[in-house]
Amino acid sequence: MTVGESLTEARHQAGLSVDELSKRTRIRGMVIRSIERDDYEACGGELYVRGYVRAIAGAVGIDAQPLIHEY
């Protein structure tokens, strides 16, 4: 399972829409959707991707470290 697939599944299990997750993390919905598709172009670089993944994982209640390592 990819990073994006893992985050999407965790978001669904947490019962959150992309808009709700965006409000919780203050990450634009477009960026969240891109990450969930494993498209990191809109993120602005590797450092940002790691921060976004960490914030999204925290908001949906999963450990970010394995995802960051996989990225």
N, C-alpha and C. Protein backbone atom coordinates (compact mmCIF):
# COMPACT_ATOMS: atom_id res chain seq x y z
N MET A 1 0.85 -1.17 0.00
CA MET A 1 0.00 0.00 0.00
C MET A 1 0.90 1.24 0.00
N THR A 2 0.56 2.21 -0.84
CA THR A 2 1.37 3.42 -0.95
C THR A 2 1.07 4.39 0.20
N VAL A 3 1.87 5.42 0.30
CA VAL A 3 1.66 6.46 1.32
C VAL A 3 0.27 7.08 1.13
N GLY A 4 -0.04 7.44 -0.09
CA GLY A 4 -1.34 8.06 -0.37
C GLY A 4 -2.51 7.15 -0.04
N GLU A 5 -2.38 5.88 -0.41
CA GLU A 5 -3.45 4.92 -0.11
C GLU A 5 -3.63 4.75 1.40
N SER A 6 -2.53 4.70 2.12
CA SER A 6 -2.59 4.55 3.58
C SER A 6 -3.28 5.75 4.22
N LEU A 7 -2.93 6.95 3.76
CA LEU A 7 -3.55 8.16 4.32
C LEU A 7 -5.02 8.25 3.96
N THR A 8 -5.36 7.86 2.74
CA THR A 8 -6.77 7.89 2.32
C THR A 8 -7.59 6.92 3.16
N GLU A 9 -7.08 5.71 3.33
CA GLU A 9 -7.79 4.72 4.13
C GLU A 9 -7.96 5.19 5.57
N ALA A 10 -6.92 5.74 6.15
CA ALA A 10 -6.99 6.24 7.53
C ALA A 10 -7.98 7.39 7.65
N ARG A 11 -8.02 8.25 6.64
CA ARG A 11 -8.97 9.38 6.66
C ARG A 11 -10.39 8.84 6.62
N HIS A 12 -10.64 7.85 5.77
CA HIS A 12 -11.97 7.25 5.70
C HIS A 12 -12.35 6.59 7.03
N GLN A 13 -11.41 5.87 7.62
CA GLN A 13 -11.68 5.21 8.90
C GLN A 13 -11.95 6.23 10.01
N ALA A 14 -11.33 7.40 9.91
CA ALA A 14 -11.56 8.46 10.89
C ALA A 14 -12.87 9.20 10.62
N GLY A 15 -13.49 8.89 9.49
CA GLY A 15 -14.77 9.52 9.16
C GLY A 15 -14.64 10.98 8.75
N LEU A 16 -13.52 11.33 8.13
CA LEU A 16 -13.27 12.72 7.76
C LEU A 16 -13.31 12.90 6.24
N SER A 17 -13.87 14.01 5.82
CA SER A 17 -13.78 14.39 4.41
C SER A 17 -12.46 15.13 4.21
N VAL A 18 -12.11 15.36 2.96
CA VAL A 18 -10.90 16.12 2.67
C VAL A 18 -11.04 17.54 3.25
N ASP A 19 -12.22 18.13 3.12
CA ASP A 19 -12.43 19.48 3.64
C ASP A 19 -12.28 19.54 5.16
N GLU A 20 -12.80 18.54 5.85
CA GLU A 20 -12.66 18.49 7.32
C GLU A 20 -11.20 18.32 7.71
N LEU A 21 -10.49 17.46 7.00
CA LEU A 21 -9.08 17.25 7.26
C LEU A 21 -8.29 18.52 6.97
N SER A 22 -8.66 19.21 5.94
CA SER A 22 -8.02 20.47 5.59
C SER A 22 -8.17 21.49 6.72
N LYS A 23 -9.36 21.58 7.27
CA LYS A 23 -9.59 22.51 8.39
C LYS A 23 -8.78 22.14 9.62
N ARG A 24 -8.67 20.84 9.89
CA ARG A 24 -7.91 20.38 11.06
C ARG A 24 -6.41 20.62 10.92
N THR A 25 -5.91 20.43 9.71
CA THR A 25 -4.45 20.48 9.49
C THR A 25 -3.98 21.81 8.92
N ARG A 26 -4.93 22.61 8.42
CA ARG A 26 -4.60 23.85 7.71
C ARG A 26 -3.75 23.60 6.47
N ILE A 27 -3.96 22.44 5.87
CA ILE A 27 -3.33 22.09 4.59
C ILE A 27 -4.43 22.19 3.53
N ARG A 28 -4.13 22.87 2.44
CA ARG A 28 -5.13 23.05 1.39
C ARG A 28 -5.64 21.69 0.90
N GLY A 29 -6.95 21.64 0.61
CA GLY A 29 -7.57 20.42 0.14
C GLY A 29 -6.91 19.88 -1.12
N MET A 30 -6.49 20.77 -2.01
CA MET A 30 -5.83 20.36 -3.25
C MET A 30 -4.54 19.59 -2.94
N VAL A 31 -3.81 20.03 -1.93
CA VAL A 31 -2.56 19.37 -1.55
C VAL A 31 -2.86 18.00 -0.95
N ILE A 32 -3.88 17.92 -0.10
CA ILE A 32 -4.26 16.64 0.50
C ILE A 32 -4.67 15.65 -0.59
N ARG A 33 -5.49 16.11 -1.53
CA ARG A 33 -5.91 15.22 -2.62
C ARG A 33 -4.73 14.74 -3.44
N SER A 34 -3.77 15.63 -3.70
CA SER A 34 -2.56 15.25 -4.45
C SER A 34 -1.77 14.19 -3.70
N ILE A 35 -1.58 14.40 -2.41
CA ILE A 35 -0.82 13.43 -1.60
C ILE A 35 -1.53 12.08 -1.60
N GLU A 36 -2.85 12.09 -1.49
CA GLU A 36 -3.61 10.84 -1.50
C GLU A 36 -3.50 10.12 -2.84
N ARG A 37 -3.16 10.84 -3.90
CA ARG A 37 -2.93 10.22 -5.22
C ARG A 37 -1.45 9.93 -5.43
N ASP A 38 -0.64 10.12 -4.40
CA ASP A 38 0.82 9.95 -4.48
C ASP A 38 1.44 10.87 -5.53
N ASP A 39 0.86 12.05 -5.67
CA ASP A 39 1.37 13.08 -6.57
C ASP A 39 1.88 14.21 -5.69
N TYR A 40 3.19 14.33 -5.61
CA TYR A 40 3.80 15.28 -4.66
C TYR A 40 4.24 16.58 -5.31
N GLU A 41 3.88 16.80 -6.57
CA GLU A 41 4.27 18.00 -7.30
C GLU A 41 3.77 19.28 -6.62
N ALA A 42 2.55 19.27 -6.11
CA ALA A 42 1.94 20.47 -5.53
C ALA A 42 2.45 20.80 -4.13
N CYS A 43 3.33 19.95 -3.60
CA CYS A 43 3.74 20.10 -2.20
C CYS A 43 4.88 21.09 -1.98
N GLY A 44 5.67 21.36 -3.00
CA GLY A 44 6.72 22.35 -2.84
C GLY A 44 8.05 21.80 -2.35
N GLY A 45 8.26 20.52 -2.43
CA GLY A 45 9.54 19.94 -2.04
C GLY A 45 9.43 18.87 -0.99
N GLU A 46 10.52 18.12 -0.86
CA GLU A 46 10.55 16.96 0.04
C GLU A 46 10.29 17.33 1.50
N LEU A 47 10.86 18.42 1.95
CA LEU A 47 10.67 18.84 3.34
C LEU A 47 9.19 19.09 3.63
N TYR A 48 8.52 19.74 2.70
CA TYR A 48 7.09 20.00 2.88
C TYR A 48 6.27 18.71 2.86
N VAL A 49 6.62 17.80 1.97
CA VAL A 49 5.90 16.53 1.90
C VAL A 49 5.96 15.83 3.25
N ARG A 50 7.14 15.76 3.82
CA ARG A 50 7.29 15.10 5.13
C ARG A 50 6.43 15.78 6.19
N GLY A 51 6.42 17.10 6.20
CA GLY A 51 5.59 17.83 7.16
C GLY A 51 4.12 17.60 6.94
N TYR A 52 3.70 17.61 5.69
CA TYR A 52 2.29 17.36 5.38
C TYR A 52 1.88 15.96 5.79
N VAL A 53 2.71 14.98 5.45
CA VAL A 53 2.38 13.59 5.81
C VAL A 53 2.29 13.46 7.33
N ARG A 54 3.22 14.08 8.04
CA ARG A 54 3.21 14.04 9.51
C ARG A 54 1.91 14.66 10.06
N ALA A 55 1.52 15.81 9.53
CA ALA A 55 0.32 16.51 10.00
C ALA A 55 -0.95 15.71 9.68
N ILE A 56 -1.03 15.19 8.47
CA ILE A 56 -2.22 14.42 8.07
C ILE A 56 -2.32 13.14 8.90
N ALA A 57 -1.21 12.43 9.04
CA ALA A 57 -1.22 11.19 9.83
C ALA A 57 -1.66 11.47 11.27
N GLY A 58 -1.14 12.53 11.85
CA GLY A 58 -1.53 12.89 13.21
C GLY A 58 -3.01 13.19 13.33
N ALA A 59 -3.56 13.87 12.34
CA ALA A 59 -4.97 14.25 12.38
C ALA A 59 -5.90 13.05 12.21
N VAL A 60 -5.42 12.01 11.54
CA VAL A 60 -6.29 10.82 11.35
C VAL A 60 -5.93 9.70 12.30
N GLY A 61 -4.94 9.92 13.17
CA GLY A 61 -4.65 8.98 14.24
C GLY A 61 -3.76 7.81 13.88
N ILE A 62 -2.84 8.00 12.93
CA ILE A 62 -1.89 6.93 12.62
C ILE A 62 -0.46 7.43 12.79
N ASP A 63 0.47 6.50 12.88
CA ASP A 63 1.88 6.82 13.05
C ASP A 63 2.47 7.28 11.72
N ALA A 64 3.05 8.45 11.70
CA ALA A 64 3.61 9.02 10.47
C ALA A 64 4.95 8.42 10.08
N GLN A 65 5.72 7.92 11.03
CA GLN A 65 7.08 7.49 10.75
C GLN A 65 7.19 6.44 9.64
N PRO A 66 6.40 5.36 9.67
CA PRO A 66 6.50 4.39 8.59
C PRO A 66 6.17 5.00 7.22
N LEU A 67 5.23 5.93 7.19
CA LEU A 67 4.84 6.57 5.94
C LEU A 67 5.96 7.47 5.43
N ILE A 68 6.56 8.22 6.32
CA ILE A 68 7.67 9.10 5.94
C ILE A 68 8.85 8.28 5.44
N HIS A 69 9.09 7.18 6.11
CA HIS A 69 10.18 6.29 5.69
C HIS A 69 9.91 5.72 4.29
N GLU A 70 8.65 5.33 4.04
CA GLU A 70 8.26 4.78 2.75
C GLU A 70 8.36 5.82 1.65
N TYR A 71 8.02 7.07 1.99
CA TYR A 71 8.08 8.15 0.99
C TYR A 71 9.51 8.28 0.50
